[in-house]
Amino acid sequence: MIEFFPYRRIALLGAPVEVGASQRGTLMGPAAMRTAGLGTLLQELGFAVEDHGDLALLDAYPSIDIPPENARHYRDIQRWIQALSARAYALAQTGVLPIFLGGDHSLSMGSVNGIARHWHKKGRELFVLWLDAHADYNTPATTITGNMHGMSAAFLCGEPGLDGLLGAEPRASITPAHLDLFGIRSIDRLEKELVRERRIAVADMRQIDEFGVSVLIRRVIERVRARNGVLHVSFDVDFLDPATAPGVGTLVPGGATYREAHLIMELLHDSGLLCSLDVVELNPFLDERGRTARVMVELVGSLFGQQITDSPMPSNAILPPR
């Protein structure tokens, strides 16, 4: 491992939520990642790994807010989000780097909220890198499907419409300027208008084709570093091309290649900015003999220092104009 990577302890927490998406099966994602050897690989890289198992909702408190229209399975997801936010905050307080194993992308409304709460109290700005085929910036007012995994990023940036979701759990929103949507290739019309209005940084697949992932990821890294910030990575399996990762219910052709994804992970590791991670939307029911789970474990390995040589990539690339 590169010596300036600041963490030596990693906490794994499964969040087997599946009702945020239209396709069931992501509840098996955490088990698939463990079976594919995630914990063992991280230990081989020199980390102390604490596996906290899968989150249970036995102690969830009933909520009395009125569920919004166009937010499917709101009550079930609300219980997950409140429990995840509290656990994410508690884990971050112990000095570990948490990895949240999903589960659909609605879980990030809880995991990132708890992480943001921790870092805001420490006086540090949290940035979020959203590796995804979709912007996930819908609200109940803009959504076409009502699926809440498509509202995660908008909720984290404080957009209205899900204001009672956290109940008594404190809401710790990030600003739209601290969100980077990376690898986007599918976005709804009203969602696109909202993303444009908020001036959110977007690196879509055309930009990746034109400039390459290394230049664009370095731009993200430099923005975080310039603010003395920390970085949460929310990694949706559908960021990858379906030929590489078929085990996801929201396949969109034309995604990142295997090597592009590894380079992103390696550069993020070298930056030393990573503070937490989501791995979401893995659906073993749709996978091919565990192939996608193995790919995701390999990519997480690169994010935590697995590389062929000990030489980091050069950092003097010329950035494209904004």
Protein backbone atom coordinates (compact mmCIF):
# COMPACT_ATOMS: atom_id res chain seq x y z
CA MET A 1 0.00 0.00 0.00
CA ILE A 2 1.06 3.58 -0.58
CA GLU A 3 2.18 4.92 2.76
CA PHE A 4 0.07 8.10 2.80
CA PHE A 5 -3.23 6.23 2.59
CA PRO A 6 -4.66 7.38 5.94
CA TYR A 7 -6.67 4.35 7.07
CA ARG A 8 -5.62 0.94 8.36
CA ARG A 9 -9.04 -0.22 9.64
CA ILE A 10 -12.02 -0.97 7.42
CA ALA A 11 -15.58 -1.71 8.54
CA LEU A 12 -17.91 -3.69 6.26
CA LEU A 13 -21.64 -3.22 6.71
CA GLY A 14 -24.24 -4.90 4.51
CA ALA A 15 -27.44 -3.04 3.62
CA PRO A 16 -29.63 -5.59 1.80
CA VAL A 17 -32.33 -3.16 0.70
CA GLU A 18 -34.01 -3.90 -2.65
CA VAL A 19 -37.34 -2.07 -2.69
CA GLY A 20 -35.80 1.17 -3.96
CA ALA A 21 -35.46 -0.41 -7.40
CA SER A 22 -37.97 -2.06 -9.72
CA GLN A 23 -35.91 -5.25 -10.09
CA ARG A 24 -35.64 -7.41 -6.96
CA GLY A 25 -32.46 -9.29 -6.03
CA THR A 26 -30.03 -6.68 -4.68
CA LEU A 27 -30.66 -7.92 -1.15
CA MET A 28 -28.22 -10.72 -2.07
CA GLY A 29 -25.50 -8.25 -3.03
CA PRO A 30 -23.68 -8.10 0.34
CA ALA A 31 -23.47 -11.89 0.55
CA ALA A 32 -22.14 -12.08 -3.02
CA MET A 33 -19.37 -9.57 -2.27
CA ARG A 34 -18.33 -11.50 0.81
CA THR A 35 -18.43 -14.82 -1.05
CA ALA A 36 -16.26 -13.31 -3.79
CA GLY A 37 -13.57 -12.67 -1.16
CA LEU A 38 -13.81 -8.95 -0.35
CA GLY A 39 -12.80 -9.27 3.30
CA THR A 40 -9.93 -11.64 2.57
CA LEU A 41 -8.54 -9.38 -0.15
CA LEU A 42 -8.59 -6.31 2.09
CA GLN A 43 -6.81 -8.25 4.83
CA GLU A 44 -4.15 -9.36 2.34
CA LEU A 45 -3.62 -5.68 1.53
CA GLY A 46 -2.73 -5.07 5.17
CA PHE A 47 -5.99 -3.71 6.57
CA ALA A 48 -7.71 -4.77 9.77
CA VAL A 49 -11.20 -5.69 8.58
CA GLU A 50 -14.22 -5.56 10.87
CA ASP A 51 -17.26 -7.23 9.30
CA HIS A 52 -20.37 -5.94 11.05
CA GLY A 53 -22.67 -8.25 9.12
CA ASP A 54 -25.89 -6.96 7.58
CA LEU A 55 -27.85 -4.12 9.09
CA ALA A 56 -30.98 -5.21 10.98
CA LEU A 57 -34.08 -3.06 11.38
CA LEU A 58 -35.30 -4.53 14.65
CA ASP A 59 -34.94 -1.26 16.55
CA ALA A 60 -36.43 1.05 13.92
CA TYR A 61 -38.93 3.56 15.26
CA PRO A 62 -42.25 4.20 13.44
CA SER A 63 -42.51 7.53 11.64
CA ILE A 64 -45.52 9.82 11.60
CA ASP A 65 -44.77 11.97 8.55
CA ILE A 66 -47.04 11.76 5.51
CA PRO A 67 -45.46 9.70 2.71
CA PRO A 68 -45.00 11.79 -0.44
CA GLU A 69 -46.64 10.85 -3.70
CA ASN A 70 -44.46 9.21 -6.35
CA ALA A 71 -42.07 7.62 -3.85
CA ARG A 72 -42.58 3.88 -3.99
CA HIS A 73 -42.05 1.81 -0.81
CA TYR A 74 -41.38 5.01 1.09
CA ARG A 75 -41.97 3.58 4.57
CA ASP A 76 -39.71 0.57 4.03
CA ILE A 77 -36.90 2.72 2.64
CA GLN A 78 -37.38 5.26 5.41
CA ARG A 79 -36.60 2.60 8.01
CA TRP A 80 -33.44 1.61 6.13
CA ILE A 81 -32.27 5.19 5.69
CA GLN A 82 -32.73 6.16 9.32
CA ALA A 83 -30.90 3.05 10.54
CA LEU A 84 -28.10 3.44 7.98
CA SER A 85 -27.51 7.10 8.78
CA ALA A 86 -27.16 6.36 12.48
CA ARG A 87 -24.81 3.40 11.88
CA ALA A 88 -22.70 5.29 9.33
CA TYR A 89 -22.22 8.14 11.77
CA ALA A 90 -21.33 5.78 14.60
CA LEU A 91 -18.82 3.86 12.47
CA ALA A 92 -17.13 7.03 11.23
CA GLN A 93 -16.78 8.20 14.83
CA THR A 94 -14.60 5.16 15.60
CA GLY A 95 -11.95 6.11 13.03
CA VAL A 96 -12.58 3.30 10.56
CA LEU A 97 -13.20 3.60 6.83
CA PRO A 98 -16.74 2.25 6.29
CA ILE A 99 -17.72 0.24 3.21
CA PHE A 100 -21.47 -0.09 2.73
CA LEU A 101 -22.44 -3.15 0.72
CA GLY A 102 -25.75 -2.91 -1.13
CA GLY A 103 -28.45 -3.24 -1.79
CA ASP A 104 -29.91 -0.69 -4.22
CA HIS A 105 -28.72 2.90 -4.47
CA SER A 106 -31.39 4.25 -2.13
CA LEU A 107 -29.10 3.15 0.72
CA SER A 108 -26.78 6.09 -0.03
CA MET A 109 -29.37 8.49 1.35
CA GLY A 110 -28.53 7.00 4.73
CA SER A 111 -24.87 6.08 4.43
CA VAL A 112 -23.73 9.40 2.99
CA ASN A 113 -25.91 11.42 5.35
CA GLY A 114 -24.27 9.77 8.36
CA ILE A 115 -20.78 10.21 6.92
CA ALA A 116 -21.47 13.87 6.07
CA ARG A 117 -22.73 14.49 9.60
CA HIS A 118 -19.46 13.11 11.01
CA TRP A 119 -17.20 15.19 8.77
CA HIS A 120 -19.23 18.38 9.15
CA LYS A 121 -18.79 18.12 12.92
CA LYS A 122 -15.03 17.78 12.36
CA GLY A 123 -15.02 20.92 10.23
CA ARG A 124 -14.21 19.12 6.97
CA GLU A 125 -16.13 19.32 3.71
CA LEU A 126 -17.43 16.04 2.27
CA PHE A 127 -17.39 15.57 -1.49
CA VAL A 128 -19.25 12.72 -3.21
CA LEU A 129 -18.15 10.99 -6.40
CA TRP A 130 -21.17 9.28 -7.98
CA LEU A 131 -19.98 6.52 -10.33
CA ASP A 132 -23.20 5.61 -12.10
CA ALA A 133 -24.94 5.27 -15.45
CA HIS A 134 -27.72 7.43 -14.00
CA ALA A 135 -27.73 10.83 -12.33
CA ASP A 136 -30.11 9.68 -9.56
CA TYR A 137 -31.14 13.34 -9.23
CA ASN A 138 -34.90 12.89 -9.41
CA THR A 139 -37.34 14.07 -6.76
CA PRO A 140 -40.92 12.93 -6.18
CA ALA A 141 -41.93 15.88 -8.38
CA THR A 142 -39.73 14.90 -11.35
CA THR A 143 -39.55 11.10 -11.24
CA ILE A 144 -41.11 8.99 -13.96
CA THR A 145 -40.99 5.64 -12.14
CA GLY A 146 -41.28 6.63 -8.48
CA ASN A 147 -38.31 4.36 -7.68
CA MET A 148 -36.40 5.90 -4.82
CA HIS A 149 -32.97 4.64 -5.88
CA GLY A 150 -33.23 7.33 -8.56
CA MET A 151 -33.64 10.08 -5.94
CA SER A 152 -30.56 9.43 -3.81
CA ALA A 153 -28.22 12.13 -5.09
CA ALA A 154 -30.96 14.76 -5.07
CA PHE A 155 -31.85 13.97 -1.47
CA LEU A 156 -28.21 14.21 -0.40
CA CYS A 157 -27.96 17.67 -1.95
CA GLY A 158 -30.95 18.90 0.07
CA GLU A 159 -33.58 18.88 -2.67
CA PRO A 160 -37.16 19.08 -1.34
CA GLY A 161 -39.74 16.33 -1.51
CA LEU A 162 -38.37 13.80 0.99
CA ASP A 163 -38.03 16.15 3.92
CA GLY A 164 -39.37 13.75 6.54
CA LEU A 165 -37.36 10.75 5.38
CA LEU A 166 -34.81 10.85 8.22
CA GLY A 167 -37.32 11.45 10.99
CA ALA A 168 -35.43 12.45 14.14
CA GLU A 169 -32.06 11.58 12.57
CA PRO A 170 -30.18 14.84 11.74
CA ARG A 171 -29.98 15.72 8.07
CA ALA A 172 -26.50 16.66 6.88
CA SER A 173 -26.83 17.69 3.26
CA ILE A 174 -23.93 18.43 0.95
CA THR A 175 -24.02 21.29 -1.54
CA PRO A 176 -24.52 20.50 -5.25
CA ALA A 177 -21.03 21.91 -5.81
CA HIS A 178 -19.64 18.96 -3.82
CA LEU A 179 -21.25 16.30 -6.03
CA ASP A 180 -19.59 14.85 -9.14
CA LEU A 181 -21.72 12.70 -11.44
CA PHE A 182 -19.30 10.46 -13.34
CA GLY A 183 -20.06 8.07 -16.20
CA ILE A 184 -23.62 9.30 -16.74
CA ARG A 185 -25.37 8.06 -19.88
CA SER A 186 -29.06 7.93 -18.91
CA ILE A 187 -30.99 10.87 -17.47
CA ASP A 188 -34.65 11.91 -17.47
CA ARG A 189 -35.72 15.22 -19.03
CA LEU A 190 -36.84 16.99 -15.83
CA GLU A 191 -33.91 15.47 -13.97
CA LYS A 192 -31.52 16.91 -16.56
CA GLU A 193 -33.05 20.35 -16.14
CA LEU A 194 -32.58 20.17 -12.37
CA VAL A 195 -28.96 19.02 -12.68
CA ARG A 196 -28.27 21.88 -15.08
CA GLU A 197 -30.02 24.41 -12.84
CA ARG A 198 -27.92 23.32 -9.83
CA ARG A 199 -24.73 23.47 -11.96
CA ILE A 200 -23.66 20.02 -10.83
CA ALA A 201 -20.38 18.74 -12.27
CA VAL A 202 -21.11 15.98 -14.79
CA ALA A 203 -18.58 13.81 -16.63
CA ASP A 204 -20.73 11.89 -19.07
CA MET A 205 -19.50 9.13 -21.36
CA ARG A 206 -18.81 11.55 -24.20
CA GLN A 207 -16.39 13.50 -22.00
CA ILE A 208 -14.79 10.25 -20.89
CA ASP A 209 -14.35 9.26 -24.54
CA GLU A 210 -12.86 12.66 -25.41
CA PHE A 211 -10.55 13.29 -22.44
CA GLY A 212 -10.10 9.91 -20.76
CA VAL A 213 -10.86 8.94 -17.19
CA SER A 214 -7.46 9.87 -15.78
CA VAL A 215 -7.76 13.55 -16.71
CA LEU A 216 -11.34 13.80 -15.47
CA ILE A 217 -10.74 11.97 -12.19
CA ARG A 218 -7.70 14.13 -11.49
CA ARG A 219 -9.95 17.16 -11.92
CA VAL A 220 -12.25 15.77 -9.20
CA ILE A 221 -9.30 15.01 -6.94
CA GLU A 222 -7.85 18.49 -7.29
CA ARG A 223 -11.21 20.10 -6.46
CA VAL A 224 -11.45 18.08 -3.25
CA ARG A 225 -7.82 18.69 -2.31
CA ALA A 226 -8.11 22.44 -2.94
CA ARG A 227 -10.83 22.61 -0.25
CA ASN A 228 -9.03 20.29 2.18
CA GLY A 229 -12.01 17.99 1.75
CA VAL A 230 -12.58 14.27 2.03
CA LEU A 231 -14.21 12.01 -0.55
CA HIS A 232 -17.02 9.49 -0.39
CA VAL A 233 -17.29 7.22 -3.44
CA SER A 234 -20.71 5.82 -4.31
CA PHE A 235 -20.10 3.05 -6.85
CA ASP A 236 -23.09 1.68 -8.77
CA VAL A 237 -22.40 -1.53 -10.69
CA ASP A 238 -24.13 -0.07 -13.77
CA PHE A 239 -21.30 2.45 -14.09
CA LEU A 240 -19.52 -0.42 -15.82
CA ASP A 241 -20.34 -1.63 -19.30
CA PRO A 242 -22.77 -4.59 -19.24
CA ALA A 243 -20.19 -6.71 -21.06
CA THR A 244 -17.98 -6.41 -17.97
CA ALA A 245 -20.66 -6.44 -15.27
CA PRO A 246 -23.96 -8.05 -16.28
CA GLY A 247 -25.22 -8.57 -12.73
CA VAL A 248 -27.31 -5.41 -12.38
CA GLY A 249 -30.98 -4.66 -12.97
CA THR A 250 -30.43 -1.32 -14.75
CA LEU A 251 -28.22 -2.24 -17.70
CA VAL A 252 -27.20 0.70 -19.92
CA PRO A 253 -24.86 0.02 -22.88
CA GLY A 254 -21.69 2.02 -23.33
CA GLY A 255 -20.34 2.11 -19.80
CA ALA A 256 -16.81 2.22 -18.41
CA THR A 257 -14.45 -0.57 -19.41
CA TYR A 258 -12.68 -2.87 -17.00
CA ARG A 259 -9.38 -1.01 -17.39
CA GLU A 260 -10.96 2.46 -17.16
CA ALA A 261 -12.60 1.48 -13.89
CA HIS A 262 -9.36 0.08 -12.47
CA LEU A 263 -7.49 3.26 -13.38
CA ILE A 264 -10.11 5.35 -11.60
CA MET A 265 -9.76 3.23 -8.49
CA GLU A 266 -5.96 3.39 -8.57
CA LEU A 267 -5.93 7.19 -8.93
CA LEU A 268 -8.45 7.60 -6.13
CA HIS A 269 -6.29 5.43 -3.88
CA ASP A 270 -3.19 7.42 -4.70
CA SER A 271 -5.01 10.66 -3.79
CA GLY A 272 -5.37 9.60 -0.14
CA LEU A 273 -8.75 11.40 0.02
CA LEU A 274 -11.11 8.44 0.33
CA CYS A 275 -13.05 8.32 3.61
CA SER A 276 -15.95 5.94 2.83
CA LEU A 277 -17.47 3.83 0.07
CA ASP A 278 -20.80 2.48 -1.18
CA VAL A 279 -20.93 -0.53 -3.52
CA VAL A 280 -24.50 -0.77 -4.77
CA GLU A 281 -26.94 -2.42 -7.18
CA LEU A 282 -25.13 -5.77 -7.44
CA ASN A 283 -27.84 -8.30 -8.27
CA PRO A 284 -26.46 -11.85 -8.09
CA PHE A 285 -29.77 -13.18 -9.42
CA LEU A 286 -28.91 -11.56 -12.77
CA ASP A 287 -25.18 -12.34 -12.71
CA GLU A 288 -23.25 -14.95 -14.69
CA ARG A 289 -21.65 -17.45 -12.30
CA GLY A 290 -20.54 -14.69 -9.91
CA ARG A 291 -18.60 -12.75 -12.55
CA THR A 292 -19.84 -9.29 -11.58
CA ALA A 293 -19.22 -9.86 -7.88
CA ARG A 294 -15.62 -10.87 -8.64
CA VAL A 295 -15.11 -7.79 -10.82
CA MET A 296 -16.41 -5.51 -8.08
CA VAL A 297 -14.12 -7.11 -5.50
CA GLU A 298 -11.16 -6.63 -7.84
CA LEU A 299 -12.06 -2.96 -8.31
CA VAL A 300 -12.39 -2.39 -4.58
CA GLY A 301 -8.96 -4.02 -4.26
CA SER A 302 -7.51 -1.41 -6.62
CA LEU A 303 -9.19 1.35 -4.62
CA PHE A 304 -7.37 0.11 -1.52
CA GLY A 305 -3.93 -0.25 -3.00
CA GLN A 306 -3.69 -3.43 -5.06
CA GLN A 307 -1.50 -2.70 -8.06
CA ILE A 308 1.06 -4.37 -10.28
CA THR A 309 3.94 -2.09 -9.32
CA ASP A 310 4.56 0.37 -6.48
CA SER A 311 4.76 3.41 -8.77
CA PRO A 312 1.76 5.79 -8.70
CA MET A 313 0.55 7.33 -11.93
CA PRO A 314 1.97 10.78 -12.85
CA SER A 315 -0.08 13.70 -11.56
CA ASN A 316 0.86 16.43 -14.08
CA ALA A 317 -1.86 15.85 -16.65
CA ILE A 318 -3.42 18.84 -18.43
CA LEU A 319 -7.06 19.21 -17.43
CA PRO A 320 -9.78 19.91 -20.00
CA PRO A 321 -11.67 23.22 -19.90
CA ARG A 322 -14.84 23.19 -17.83
